[in-house]
Amino acid sequence: MLKSISIENFAIIDKVEIQFDHGLHIITGETGAGKSILLGALGLVMGQRIQSGIIKNQDLKCIVEAHFNISNYQLHTWFKNNEIDYNDYTILRREVLPGGKSRGFINDSPVSIQLLQELSVNLIDVFSQNDSLELKSSAFQLEILDSYAQNKDLKKAYQNTYRSFLTNKNQYESLIKNMEQNDKEKELIQYHFEEMSLFDFEEWQFNEMEKQLEIMENAIEIKQIISNATFAFRSSENSIYQVILDMLLKIKKFEHVSQEVKNYNLQANAALEDLLDAFKSFEQFENQMEFEEEQIIEAKEKVDFINKLLVKHKLQSFDELVELKKSYELKLSSLNTSDEQLELLKKNVVLLYKETTQKAEILSQSRKAVLEKIEDSIIKTLSYLGMENSQFKIWINSSIENLKESGYDDIRFLFSANKGIELQDIKNAISGGERNRFMLAIKSIMADKMHLPTLIFDEVDTGVSGAIAHKVALILERLANSHQIIAITHLPQIASKGNTHFWVYKDQSKESTTSNIKMLNGKERVEEIAKMISGSEVTETSLNAAKELLGRF
């Protein structure tokens, strides 16, 4: 239930605050005083789009704050799912900055505008003259039918399955298309991969292999060079080693006369020993250089194989070739598993289609079960509202070929306001005044079904007067027994039924016009209703009529 709304710096409102309670709340006032501005402010806090020019003072922000008692609305799960602190007394706030940006809050927690919209639809239903145009929408008509049939859970279950079906169906169709496109690619990749798979080269040390091959191919020359050098160094009669060694021995006897000679001799001896070790290593290396012809052929084949692939695929390194082969393998694996995936998706699509159609049928049967009840209720209410000759039927067509988000039913409201006139689509058969009464009939029978705590009616009495206006008032009075009703009206018959009466007026005493609102006391209320009866001039007759409407005699 809406407990209060405060509005600051909105349109022509400086600051107002209105307290609400149970029952029927009436809002009246002269044209242009700001009655609809109140609804605009409430719409803002409900997450509606910001209209240009809503900020009165461009140096200040606009703030609209609505307080609700939600203790009986079972909204704990919604708050938990959206990570917002729950409170029985919940506050919705919307702030609009001078630059046009806005911020939303629920219980002082910043939230998106979408969350404001989601929560507010569980709290308030606003019906204005413009809303009656929705009557022409098949989606709105279906929503009315589902609300009356209490199909919320059935519809949600169907939609979850339908969306899963669509997702799997789209994936299945997309995979088929991709597989068709990938056939040529698969063939080419398969060819390259098989070519690369002649050798399992991933673990090869290719750089070392190239070096080893060069050694193999030049083994004879290398061995000859080592052999000649080794012979010259120490195997010949006047070997280099022996000549140096003799020189070092001879000069050793002069070490006592020169420290430098001694140092140089030590260095030379050490170098000669290192050189001797090196030549021994060369000899060992030479002895190892014995290769079979098959070894050389195999090594050359592998190196040529890799180099050919590097050139063919325009790669710079062996590592890149390894990565390319891995990528081909993964791609082929992916393409090969597509067949299995396709089969799995096909099974899922078949199962989900069957489940979707079953749930669509259950939803359709639930709708058809209440058709007569809702038709009879609307005809009775229309008759009560002075449309005694009205005829109304809900046409429904169910087709398994027509699966969509709302089920597989198409519906149309068929209507005729006159006896003997064939039923037609309501969008072609109903006038403006009739449309308002039709919508009031729907709201009156739907109020309990939709479990909305607060209903707001904005001049739904347009086009009615006299006895019909009195009946409209009685309907609103009846609804107020189980709902909080806020009605903006220009009819005294409706205004007289209110438990609380607010009067909206313009204040032009300051430099700029402002809109204000006040709750009328008993005497003020009689005078306001008298004005509504007679116009701006209050007469004794209109005062008596107002008192009679209010039951004051």
Protein backbone atom coordinates (compact mmCIF):
# COMPACT_ATOMS: atom_id res chain seq x y z
CA MET A 1 0.00 0.00 0.00
CA LEU A 2 1.20 3.47 -0.88
CA LYS A 3 1.72 5.34 2.38
CA SER A 4 3.04 8.65 1.09
CA ILE A 5 4.67 10.43 -1.80
CA SER A 6 6.89 13.50 -1.61
CA ILE A 7 7.71 15.58 -4.69
CA GLU A 8 10.37 18.26 -4.97
CA ASN A 9 11.17 20.56 -7.89
CA PHE A 10 8.99 18.69 -10.37
CA ALA A 11 7.17 20.56 -13.18
CA ILE A 12 5.33 23.40 -11.39
CA ILE A 13 5.62 21.75 -7.96
CA ASP A 14 8.09 23.23 -5.49
CA LYS A 15 7.50 20.71 -2.75
CA VAL A 16 4.47 18.68 -1.73
CA GLU A 17 3.92 15.63 0.42
CA ILE A 18 0.77 13.52 0.44
CA GLN A 19 -0.18 10.89 3.02
CA PHE A 20 -2.37 7.97 1.98
CA ASP A 21 -4.24 5.26 3.87
CA HIS A 22 -6.76 2.51 3.16
CA GLY A 23 -9.90 3.15 1.16
CA LEU A 24 -10.84 5.47 -1.67
CA HIS A 25 -8.75 8.63 -2.12
CA ILE A 26 -10.19 11.35 -4.33
CA ILE A 27 -8.10 13.98 -6.10
CA THR A 28 -9.87 16.93 -7.70
CA GLY A 29 -8.90 20.40 -8.83
CA GLU A 30 -9.26 22.90 -11.61
CA THR A 31 -7.92 22.13 -15.08
CA GLY A 32 -4.17 22.74 -15.28
CA ALA A 33 -3.72 22.82 -11.52
CA GLY A 34 -1.45 19.79 -11.56
CA LYS A 35 -3.59 16.69 -10.97
CA SER A 36 -1.90 14.75 -13.76
CA ILE A 37 1.48 16.13 -12.69
CA LEU A 38 1.09 14.03 -9.54
CA LEU A 39 0.74 10.94 -11.71
CA GLY A 40 3.76 12.01 -13.74
CA ALA A 41 5.82 12.25 -10.55
CA LEU A 42 4.62 8.83 -9.43
CA GLY A 43 5.49 7.46 -12.86
CA LEU A 44 9.00 8.82 -12.44
CA VAL A 45 9.58 6.86 -9.25
CA MET A 46 8.10 3.80 -10.98
CA GLY A 47 10.90 3.96 -13.55
CA GLN A 48 9.17 5.69 -16.44
CA ARG A 49 11.19 7.63 -18.99
CA ILE A 50 12.14 11.20 -18.12
CA GLN A 51 10.28 13.85 -20.07
CA SER A 52 11.96 17.13 -21.01
CA GLY A 53 11.24 20.14 -18.83
CA ILE A 54 10.32 18.22 -15.67
CA ILE A 55 12.76 20.16 -13.44
CA LYS A 56 11.24 23.40 -12.18
CA ASN A 57 14.43 25.03 -10.88
CA GLN A 58 17.35 24.08 -13.12
CA ASP A 59 19.83 24.80 -10.31
CA LEU A 60 18.39 22.04 -8.12
CA LYS A 61 17.75 18.35 -8.57
CA CYS A 62 14.27 16.89 -8.75
CA ILE A 63 13.41 14.27 -6.10
CA VAL A 64 10.37 12.01 -5.98
CA GLU A 65 10.08 9.57 -3.09
CA ALA A 66 7.29 7.05 -2.47
CA HIS A 67 6.84 5.07 0.75
CA PHE A 68 5.07 1.70 0.72
CA ASN A 69 3.96 -0.85 3.27
CA ILE A 70 4.78 -4.14 1.55
CA SER A 71 4.51 -6.47 4.53
CA ASN A 72 1.77 -8.60 2.90
CA TYR A 73 3.17 -8.80 -0.64
CA GLN A 74 5.55 -11.81 -0.40
CA LEU A 75 8.41 -9.87 -1.98
CA HIS A 76 11.24 -11.21 0.20
CA THR A 77 12.55 -13.45 -2.57
CA TRP A 78 12.63 -10.58 -5.08
CA PHE A 79 14.68 -8.45 -2.70
CA LYS A 80 17.03 -11.36 -1.94
CA ASN A 81 17.54 -12.20 -5.62
CA ASN A 82 18.41 -8.58 -6.37
CA GLU A 83 20.63 -8.19 -3.29
CA ILE A 84 18.59 -5.35 -1.78
CA ASP A 85 17.82 -5.06 1.93
CA TYR A 86 14.18 -5.95 2.59
CA ASN A 87 12.03 -3.74 4.79
CA ASP A 88 8.28 -3.92 5.40
CA TYR A 89 8.25 -0.16 4.87
CA THR A 90 10.04 0.23 1.57
CA ILE A 91 11.10 3.50 -0.05
CA LEU A 92 11.41 4.05 -3.80
CA ARG A 93 13.26 7.20 -4.80
CA ARG A 94 14.20 8.78 -8.12
CA GLU A 95 16.49 11.78 -8.45
CA VAL A 96 16.89 13.78 -11.65
CA LEU A 97 19.96 16.02 -11.86
CA PRO A 98 19.90 19.40 -13.68
CA GLY A 99 21.85 17.88 -16.56
CA GLY A 100 19.11 15.31 -17.14
CA LYS A 101 20.79 12.23 -15.64
CA SER A 102 18.79 10.27 -13.10
CA ARG A 103 19.42 7.85 -10.26
CA GLY A 104 17.14 5.26 -8.72
CA PHE A 105 17.10 3.98 -5.15
CA ILE A 106 15.26 1.27 -3.23
CA ASN A 107 15.66 1.57 0.53
CA ASP A 108 18.60 3.93 -0.12
CA SER A 109 20.42 1.29 -2.20
CA PRO A 110 21.31 2.54 -5.70
CA VAL A 111 19.46 0.46 -8.31
CA SER A 112 18.89 0.45 -12.05
CA ILE A 113 15.75 1.97 -13.51
CA GLN A 114 14.79 -1.52 -14.63
CA LEU A 115 14.65 -2.69 -11.00
CA LEU A 116 12.43 0.27 -10.10
CA GLN A 117 10.10 -0.83 -12.90
CA GLU A 118 10.15 -4.49 -11.81
CA LEU A 119 9.29 -3.69 -8.20
CA SER A 120 6.68 -1.01 -8.91
CA VAL A 121 4.56 -3.27 -11.14
CA ASN A 122 3.99 -5.38 -8.01
CA LEU A 123 2.85 -2.34 -6.04
CA ILE A 124 0.73 -0.05 -8.24
CA ASP A 125 -1.51 -0.28 -11.29
CA VAL A 126 -2.28 3.02 -13.02
CA PHE A 127 -5.23 3.32 -15.39
CA SER A 128 -5.61 6.49 -17.44
CA GLN A 129 -7.53 7.40 -20.58
CA ASN A 130 -4.45 6.64 -22.68
CA ASP A 131 -4.21 3.17 -21.17
CA SER A 132 -7.60 2.30 -22.64
CA LEU A 133 -5.90 2.32 -26.04
CA GLU A 134 -4.09 -0.86 -24.91
CA LEU A 135 -7.42 -2.62 -25.27
CA LYS A 136 -6.70 -2.86 -29.00
CA SER A 137 -3.48 -4.79 -28.37
CA SER A 138 -3.70 -8.59 -28.63
CA ALA A 139 -0.80 -8.85 -26.16
CA PHE A 140 -2.80 -6.83 -23.61
CA GLN A 141 -5.90 -8.94 -24.23
CA LEU A 142 -3.88 -12.11 -23.65
CA GLU A 143 -2.41 -10.63 -20.47
CA ILE A 144 -5.95 -9.97 -19.19
CA LEU A 145 -6.95 -13.57 -19.94
CA ASP A 146 -3.85 -15.02 -18.25
CA SER A 147 -4.28 -12.80 -15.19
CA TYR A 148 -7.90 -13.87 -14.79
CA ALA A 149 -6.94 -17.54 -15.21
CA GLN A 150 -4.12 -17.19 -12.65
CA ASN A 151 -1.65 -18.47 -15.27
CA LYS A 152 1.47 -16.81 -13.90
CA ASP A 153 3.22 -20.05 -12.91
CA LEU A 154 2.00 -22.00 -15.95
CA LYS A 155 3.14 -19.23 -18.28
CA LYS A 156 6.53 -18.94 -16.63
CA ALA A 157 7.08 -22.70 -16.85
CA TYR A 158 6.09 -22.66 -20.52
CA GLN A 159 8.30 -19.68 -21.34
CA ASN A 160 11.35 -21.24 -19.65
CA THR A 161 10.92 -24.40 -21.73
CA TYR A 162 10.14 -22.46 -24.91
CA ARG A 163 13.29 -20.36 -24.52
CA SER A 164 15.39 -23.50 -23.97
CA PHE A 165 13.80 -25.00 -27.08
CA LEU A 166 14.60 -21.87 -29.11
CA THR A 167 18.18 -21.77 -27.84
CA ASN A 168 18.81 -25.41 -28.76
CA LYS A 169 17.00 -25.05 -32.08
CA ASN A 170 19.09 -22.01 -33.01
CA GLN A 171 22.28 -23.80 -31.97
CA TYR A 172 21.28 -26.85 -34.04
CA GLU A 173 20.55 -24.77 -37.14
CA SER A 174 23.69 -22.72 -36.69
CA LEU A 175 25.80 -25.87 -36.32
CA ILE A 176 24.36 -27.34 -39.52
CA LYS A 177 25.16 -24.14 -41.37
CA ASN A 178 28.68 -24.04 -39.94
CA MET A 179 29.29 -27.68 -40.77
CA GLU A 180 28.29 -27.07 -44.38
CA GLN A 181 30.65 -24.12 -44.56
CA ASN A 182 33.42 -26.09 -42.83
CA ASP A 183 33.41 -29.13 -45.13
CA LYS A 184 35.92 -27.61 -47.55
CA GLU A 185 37.97 -26.22 -44.72
CA LYS A 186 37.98 -29.60 -43.02
CA GLU A 187 39.21 -31.30 -46.19
CA LEU A 188 42.12 -28.86 -46.54
CA ILE A 189 43.07 -29.06 -42.87
CA GLN A 190 42.89 -32.85 -42.98
CA TYR A 191 45.29 -32.87 -45.94
CA HIS A 192 47.80 -30.56 -44.21
CA PHE A 193 47.57 -32.45 -40.93
CA GLU A 194 48.16 -35.82 -42.55
CA GLU A 195 51.12 -34.39 -44.44
CA MET A 196 52.61 -33.09 -41.19
CA SER A 197 51.91 -36.38 -39.45
CA LEU A 198 54.45 -38.31 -41.55
CA PHE A 199 56.75 -37.64 -38.60
CA ASP A 200 55.96 -37.03 -34.94
CA PHE A 201 58.28 -34.05 -34.89
CA GLU A 202 56.79 -32.17 -31.94
CA GLU A 203 59.54 -33.35 -29.58
CA TRP A 204 62.40 -32.91 -32.03
CA GLN A 205 65.28 -30.55 -31.22
CA PHE A 206 65.32 -29.27 -34.76
CA ASN A 207 68.16 -26.77 -34.42
CA GLU A 208 70.39 -29.51 -33.01
CA MET A 209 69.30 -31.85 -35.79
CA GLU A 210 70.36 -29.35 -38.43
CA LYS A 211 73.76 -28.97 -36.78
CA GLN A 212 74.14 -32.75 -36.45
CA LEU A 213 73.32 -33.23 -40.13
CA GLU A 214 75.94 -30.70 -41.11
CA ILE A 215 78.49 -32.62 -39.05
CA MET A 216 77.46 -35.89 -40.66
CA GLU A 217 77.71 -34.48 -44.17
CA ASN A 218 81.17 -33.02 -43.44
CA ALA A 219 82.50 -35.83 -41.24
CA ILE A 220 85.35 -36.87 -43.61
CA GLU A 221 86.65 -33.32 -43.94
CA ILE A 222 86.38 -32.68 -40.20
CA LYS A 223 88.19 -35.93 -39.36
CA GLN A 224 90.97 -35.12 -41.86
CA ILE A 225 91.48 -31.64 -40.37
CA ILE A 226 91.63 -33.03 -36.83
CA SER A 227 93.92 -35.86 -37.87
CA ASN A 228 96.39 -33.54 -39.63
CA ALA A 229 96.38 -31.07 -36.77
CA THR A 230 96.85 -33.76 -34.16
CA PHE A 231 99.73 -35.27 -36.05
CA ALA A 232 101.44 -31.90 -36.42
CA PHE A 233 100.84 -31.03 -32.78
CA ARG A 234 102.40 -34.07 -31.14
CA SER A 235 102.83 -37.14 -33.34
CA SER A 236 105.48 -35.99 -35.80
CA GLU A 237 109.23 -36.12 -35.17
CA ASN A 238 109.43 -32.40 -34.62
CA SER A 239 105.94 -31.93 -33.22
CA ILE A 240 104.74 -28.52 -32.10
CA TYR A 241 104.17 -29.88 -28.64
CA GLN A 242 107.75 -31.20 -28.32
CA VAL A 243 109.31 -27.99 -29.69
CA ILE A 244 107.41 -25.86 -27.13
CA LEU A 245 108.08 -28.27 -24.31
CA ASP A 246 111.87 -28.24 -25.07
CA MET A 247 111.89 -24.45 -25.11
CA LEU A 248 110.15 -24.27 -21.74
CA LEU A 249 112.59 -26.73 -20.18
CA LYS A 250 115.60 -24.84 -21.47
CA ILE A 251 114.41 -21.45 -20.28
CA LYS A 252 113.51 -22.78 -16.85
CA LYS A 253 117.17 -22.48 -15.72
CA PHE A 254 116.86 -18.70 -15.99
CA GLU A 255 113.86 -18.37 -13.71
CA HIS A 256 116.10 -17.54 -10.72
CA VAL A 257 117.42 -14.40 -12.41
CA SER A 258 114.03 -13.03 -13.55
CA GLN A 259 110.59 -13.26 -11.97
CA GLU A 260 109.05 -12.35 -15.29
CA VAL A 261 110.68 -15.37 -16.97
CA LYS A 262 109.31 -17.55 -14.21
CA ASN A 263 105.76 -16.13 -14.60
CA TYR A 264 105.79 -16.48 -18.35
CA ASN A 265 107.07 -20.02 -18.10
CA LEU A 266 104.27 -20.96 -15.76
CA GLN A 267 101.68 -19.41 -18.08
CA ALA A 268 103.12 -21.19 -21.08
CA ASN A 269 103.17 -24.56 -19.29
CA ALA A 270 99.56 -24.13 -18.28
CA ALA A 271 98.56 -23.12 -21.82
CA LEU A 272 100.47 -26.08 -23.28
CA GLU A 273 98.64 -28.48 -20.95
CA ASP A 274 95.28 -26.94 -21.92
CA LEU A 275 96.16 -27.27 -25.57
CA LEU A 276 97.15 -30.89 -25.00
CA ASP A 277 93.77 -31.57 -23.35
CA ALA A 278 91.98 -29.88 -26.23
CA PHE A 279 93.71 -32.04 -28.79
CA LYS A 280 92.84 -35.14 -26.78
CA SER A 281 89.19 -34.02 -26.91
CA PHE A 282 89.46 -33.50 -30.66
CA GLU A 283 90.79 -37.04 -30.97
CA GLN A 284 87.84 -38.40 -28.98
CA PHE A 285 85.44 -36.36 -31.13
CA GLU A 286 87.14 -37.73 -34.26
CA ASN A 287 86.76 -41.31 -33.03
CA GLN A 288 82.99 -40.73 -32.49
CA MET A 289 82.45 -39.48 -36.02
CA GLU A 290 81.54 -42.82 -37.47
CA PHE A 291 78.12 -42.63 -39.24
CA GLU A 292 76.25 -45.22 -41.22
CA GLU A 293 74.89 -44.11 -44.57
CA GLU A 294 71.34 -44.85 -43.36
CA GLN A 295 71.81 -42.44 -40.45
CA ILE A 296 72.80 -39.62 -42.77
CA ILE A 297 69.91 -40.30 -45.16
CA GLU A 298 67.38 -40.38 -42.29
CA ALA A 299 68.66 -37.16 -40.74
CA LYS A 300 68.64 -35.39 -44.12
CA GLU A 301 65.09 -36.61 -44.81
CA LYS A 302 63.83 -35.19 -41.51
CA VAL A 303 65.55 -31.82 -41.90
CA ASP A 304 64.38 -31.49 -45.50
CA PHE A 305 60.85 -32.44 -44.40
CA ILE A 306 60.75 -29.67 -41.80
CA ASN A 307 62.29 -27.05 -44.07
CA LYS A 308 59.79 -27.89 -46.81
CA LEU A 309 56.89 -27.38 -44.40
CA LEU A 310 58.35 -24.10 -43.13
CA VAL A 311 58.55 -22.76 -46.67
CA LYS A 312 55.13 -24.12 -47.66
CA HIS A 313 53.32 -22.55 -44.72
CA LYS A 314 55.44 -19.38 -44.73
CA LEU A 315 56.68 -19.89 -41.19
CA GLN A 316 59.79 -18.45 -39.59
CA SER A 317 60.59 -21.09 -36.99
CA PHE A 318 60.21 -24.72 -36.05
CA ASP A 319 58.16 -23.72 -32.97
CA GLU A 320 55.60 -22.04 -35.21
CA LEU A 321 55.29 -25.26 -37.20
CA VAL A 322 54.66 -27.25 -34.03
CA GLU A 323 51.93 -24.79 -33.00
CA LEU A 324 50.35 -24.95 -36.47
CA LYS A 325 50.15 -28.74 -36.32
CA LYS A 326 48.53 -28.55 -32.85
CA SER A 327 46.00 -26.01 -34.11
CA TYR A 328 45.11 -28.28 -37.05
CA GLU A 329 44.66 -31.19 -34.66
CA LEU A 330 42.37 -29.17 -32.39
CA LYS A 331 40.37 -27.85 -35.33
CA LEU A 332 39.88 -31.35 -36.73
CA SER A 333 38.88 -32.59 -33.29
CA SER A 334 36.34 -29.80 -33.08
CA LEU A 335 35.02 -30.49 -36.55
CA ASN A 336 34.83 -34.22 -35.91
CA THR A 337 32.97 -33.76 -32.63
CA SER A 338 30.46 -31.51 -34.42
CA ASP A 339 28.71 -34.63 -35.72
CA GLU A 340 28.26 -35.91 -32.19
CA GLN A 341 27.23 -32.47 -30.98
CA LEU A 342 24.74 -32.17 -33.83
CA GLU A 343 23.13 -35.45 -32.91
CA LEU A 344 22.91 -34.44 -29.26
CA LEU A 345 21.37 -31.09 -30.15
CA LYS A 346 18.88 -32.78 -32.44
CA LYS A 347 17.74 -35.04 -29.59
CA ASN A 348 17.45 -32.04 -27.26
CA VAL A 349 15.41 -30.10 -29.84
CA VAL A 350 13.01 -33.01 -30.30
CA LEU A 351 12.57 -33.48 -26.53
CA LEU A 352 12.20 -29.76 -25.82
CA TYR A 353 9.75 -29.31 -28.68
CA LYS A 354 7.59 -32.07 -27.24
CA GLU A 355 7.80 -30.57 -23.75
CA THR A 356 7.07 -27.07 -25.10
CA THR A 357 3.96 -28.17 -26.99
CA GLN A 358 2.72 -30.07 -23.94
CA LYS A 359 3.08 -27.01 -21.71
CA ALA A 360 1.55 -24.80 -24.41
CA GLU A 361 -1.47 -27.12 -24.45
CA ILE A 362 -1.80 -26.97 -20.64
CA LEU A 363 -1.60 -23.16 -20.78
CA SER A 364 -4.14 -23.05 -23.60
CA GLN A 365 -6.60 -25.28 -21.73
CA SER A 366 -6.29 -23.08 -18.64
CA ARG A 367 -7.16 -20.05 -20.76
CA LYS A 368 -10.14 -21.75 -22.42
CA ALA A 369 -11.47 -22.85 -19.03
CA VAL A 370 -12.18 -19.25 -17.97
CA LEU A 371 -13.46 -17.80 -21.25
CA GLU A 372 -17.15 -18.03 -20.34
CA LYS A 373 -16.57 -16.70 -16.83
CA ILE A 374 -14.69 -13.61 -17.98
CA GLU A 375 -17.14 -12.99 -20.83
CA ASP A 376 -20.14 -13.18 -18.47
CA SER A 377 -18.46 -10.97 -15.85
CA ILE A 378 -17.62 -8.25 -18.37
CA ILE A 379 -21.11 -8.32 -19.97
CA LYS A 380 -22.74 -8.02 -16.53
CA THR A 381 -20.49 -5.11 -15.55
CA LEU A 382 -21.07 -3.36 -18.89
CA SER A 383 -24.80 -3.79 -18.46
CA TYR A 384 -24.51 -2.29 -14.98
CA LEU A 385 -22.64 0.65 -16.51
CA GLY A 386 -25.45 1.40 -18.96
CA MET A 387 -24.35 -0.74 -21.91
CA GLU A 388 -27.22 -3.24 -21.63
CA ASN A 389 -27.09 -4.40 -25.23
CA SER A 390 -23.37 -5.14 -25.26
CA GLN A 391 -22.13 -8.44 -26.63
CA PHE A 392 -18.64 -9.74 -25.89
CA LYS A 393 -16.75 -12.85 -26.89
CA ILE A 394 -13.13 -13.91 -26.70
CA TRP A 395 -12.05 -15.64 -29.92
CA ILE A 396 -9.17 -18.02 -29.45
CA ASN A 397 -7.27 -20.03 -32.05
CA SER A 398 -4.74 -22.65 -30.99
CA SER A 399 -2.18 -24.06 -33.37
CA ILE A 400 0.91 -26.12 -32.74
CA GLU A 401 2.44 -24.35 -35.73
CA ASN A 402 2.10 -21.05 -33.87
CA LEU A 403 4.54 -21.54 -30.97
CA LYS A 404 5.74 -18.23 -29.59
CA GLU A 405 6.73 -16.55 -26.33
CA SER A 406 3.12 -16.40 -25.10
CA GLY A 407 2.13 -19.94 -26.06
CA TYR A 408 0.39 -21.14 -29.21
CA ASP A 409 -2.87 -19.21 -28.80
CA ASP A 410 -3.98 -16.21 -30.78
CA ILE A 411 -6.86 -14.30 -29.22
CA ARG A 412 -9.10 -11.41 -30.15
CA PHE A 413 -11.69 -9.55 -28.15
CA LEU A 414 -14.92 -9.38 -30.19
CA PHE A 415 -17.44 -6.73 -29.26
CA SER A 416 -20.70 -5.11 -30.24
CA ALA A 417 -22.38 -2.32 -28.29
CA ASN A 418 -25.76 -2.77 -30.00
CA LYS A 419 -28.33 -5.51 -30.19
CA GLY A 420 -28.44 -7.34 -33.49
CA ILE A 421 -25.04 -6.03 -34.65
CA GLU A 422 -22.51 -8.69 -35.55
CA LEU A 423 -19.51 -9.04 -33.26
CA GLN A 424 -16.34 -7.41 -34.59
CA ASP A 425 -12.75 -7.02 -33.49
CA ILE A 426 -12.98 -4.65 -30.54
CA LYS A 427 -10.47 -2.20 -32.03
CA ASN A 428 -12.95 -1.52 -34.83
CA ALA A 429 -16.17 -1.74 -32.85
CA ILE A 430 -15.78 0.37 -29.71
CA SER A 431 -16.01 4.14 -29.22
CA GLY A 432 -13.97 6.27 -26.83
CA GLY A 433 -16.64 6.49 -24.11
CA GLU A 434 -17.45 2.81 -24.44
CA ARG A 435 -13.76 1.96 -24.26
CA ASN A 436 -13.36 3.70 -20.88
CA ARG A 437 -16.31 1.80 -19.41
CA PHE A 438 -15.04 -1.45 -20.91
CA MET A 439 -11.64 -0.91 -19.31
CA LEU A 440 -13.28 -0.08 -15.99
CA ALA A 441 -15.21 -3.34 -16.26
CA ILE A 442 -11.94 -5.22 -16.87
CA LYS A 443 -10.17 -3.47 -13.99
CA SER A 444 -13.07 -4.20 -11.63
CA ILE A 445 -13.08 -7.94 -12.33
CA MET A 446 -9.29 -8.17 -12.53
CA ALA A 447 -8.43 -6.30 -9.33
CA ASP A 448 -8.65 -9.34 -7.07
CA LYS A 449 -7.11 -11.67 -9.64
CA MET A 450 -4.00 -9.52 -10.08
CA HIS A 451 -3.46 -9.00 -6.32
CA LEU A 452 -2.45 -5.38 -6.86
CA PRO A 453 -2.66 -3.45 -3.58
CA THR A 454 -2.97 0.04 -5.08
CA LEU A 455 -5.09 1.01 -8.10
CA ILE A 456 -4.95 4.52 -9.53
CA PHE A 457 -7.70 5.75 -11.87
CA ASP A 458 -7.02 8.92 -13.85
CA GLU A 459 -10.32 10.41 -15.09
CA VAL A 460 -11.79 7.05 -16.10
CA ASP A 461 -15.17 8.77 -15.79
CA THR A 462 -14.66 10.69 -19.03
CA GLY A 463 -17.75 10.39 -21.22
CA VAL A 464 -20.16 9.38 -18.44
CA SER A 465 -22.59 11.36 -16.31
CA GLY A 466 -25.77 11.07 -14.27
CA ALA A 467 -26.78 7.58 -13.18
CA ILE A 468 -23.85 5.93 -14.96
CA ALA A 469 -21.43 8.20 -13.14
CA HIS A 470 -23.04 7.09 -9.87
CA LYS A 471 -22.55 3.44 -10.86
CA VAL A 472 -18.88 4.09 -11.74
CA ALA A 473 -18.55 5.60 -8.27
CA LEU A 474 -20.11 2.53 -6.67
CA ILE A 475 -17.65 0.26 -8.51
CA LEU A 476 -14.71 2.30 -7.23
CA GLU A 477 -16.23 2.28 -3.73
CA ARG A 478 -16.56 -1.51 -3.87
CA LEU A 479 -12.97 -1.93 -5.07
CA ALA A 480 -11.82 0.25 -2.17
CA ASN A 481 -13.08 -2.37 0.28
CA SER A 482 -10.19 -4.65 -0.68
CA HIS A 483 -7.75 -2.28 -2.40
CA GLN A 484 -6.27 1.12 -1.93
CA ILE A 485 -7.89 3.26 -4.65
CA ILE A 486 -6.72 6.69 -5.80
CA ALA A 487 -9.08 8.36 -8.26
CA ILE A 488 -8.52 11.61 -10.13
CA THR A 489 -11.98 12.75 -11.16
CA HIS A 490 -14.12 15.70 -12.31
CA LEU A 491 -17.43 14.04 -11.37
CA PRO A 492 -19.10 14.91 -8.05
CA GLN A 493 -20.74 11.46 -7.87
CA ILE A 494 -17.30 9.84 -7.68
CA ALA A 495 -15.75 12.52 -5.48
CA SER A 496 -18.49 12.04 -2.89
CA LYS A 497 -17.60 8.36 -2.37
CA GLY A 498 -14.05 9.04 -1.19
CA ASN A 499 -12.78 8.31 2.29
CA THR A 500 -10.24 11.08 1.78
CA HIS A 501 -10.45 14.07 -0.57
CA PHE A 502 -7.41 15.99 -1.85
CA TRP A 503 -7.70 19.28 -3.71
CA VAL A 504 -5.01 20.37 -6.15
CA TYR A 505 -4.70 24.11 -6.76
CA LYS A 506 -2.39 26.68 -8.28
CA ASP A 507 -0.61 29.22 -6.10
CA GLN A 508 0.23 32.38 -8.06
CA SER A 509 1.16 34.53 -5.07
CA LYS A 510 4.89 34.19 -5.77
CA GLU A 511 7.01 35.14 -8.75
CA SER A 512 6.28 31.82 -10.45
CA THR A 513 3.18 29.65 -10.41
CA THR A 514 3.34 26.58 -8.20
CA SER A 515 1.03 23.64 -7.72
CA ASN A 516 -0.04 22.61 -4.22
CA ILE A 517 -2.34 20.02 -2.72
CA LYS A 518 -4.32 19.90 0.49
CA MET A 519 -6.58 17.41 2.21
CA LEU A 520 -10.07 18.89 2.56
CA ASN A 521 -11.99 18.93 5.81
CA GLY A 522 -15.73 18.31 5.93
CA LYS A 523 -16.85 21.86 5.12
CA GLU A 524 -14.23 22.32 2.38
CA ARG A 525 -15.24 19.06 0.83
CA VAL A 526 -18.90 20.09 0.62
CA GLU A 527 -17.88 23.33 -1.09
CA GLU A 528 -15.55 21.56 -3.57
CA ILE A 529 -18.24 19.06 -4.59
CA ALA A 530 -20.75 21.92 -4.86
CA LYS A 531 -18.35 23.64 -7.29
CA MET A 532 -18.07 20.43 -9.27
CA ILE A 533 -21.87 20.34 -9.53
CA SER A 534 -22.56 23.95 -10.49
CA GLY A 535 -19.27 25.30 -11.77
CA SER A 536 -17.20 27.99 -10.09
CA GLU A 537 -20.23 29.61 -8.43
CA VAL A 538 -21.43 27.80 -5.32
CA THR A 539 -25.21 28.05 -4.88
CA GLU A 540 -27.53 26.94 -2.18
CA THR A 541 -28.86 24.32 -4.54
CA SER A 542 -25.40 22.94 -5.36
CA LEU A 543 -24.48 22.94 -1.64
CA ASN A 544 -27.58 20.93 -0.82
CA ALA A 545 -26.85 18.56 -3.70
CA ALA A 546 -23.28 18.12 -2.45
CA LYS A 547 -24.50 17.39 1.06
CA GLU A 548 -26.97 14.87 -0.33
CA LEU A 549 -24.22 13.11 -2.27
CA LEU A 550 -22.10 13.04 0.87
CA GLY A 551 -25.02 11.80 2.94
CA ARG A 552 -24.93 14.89 5.19
CA PHE A 553 -28.70 15.44 5.44
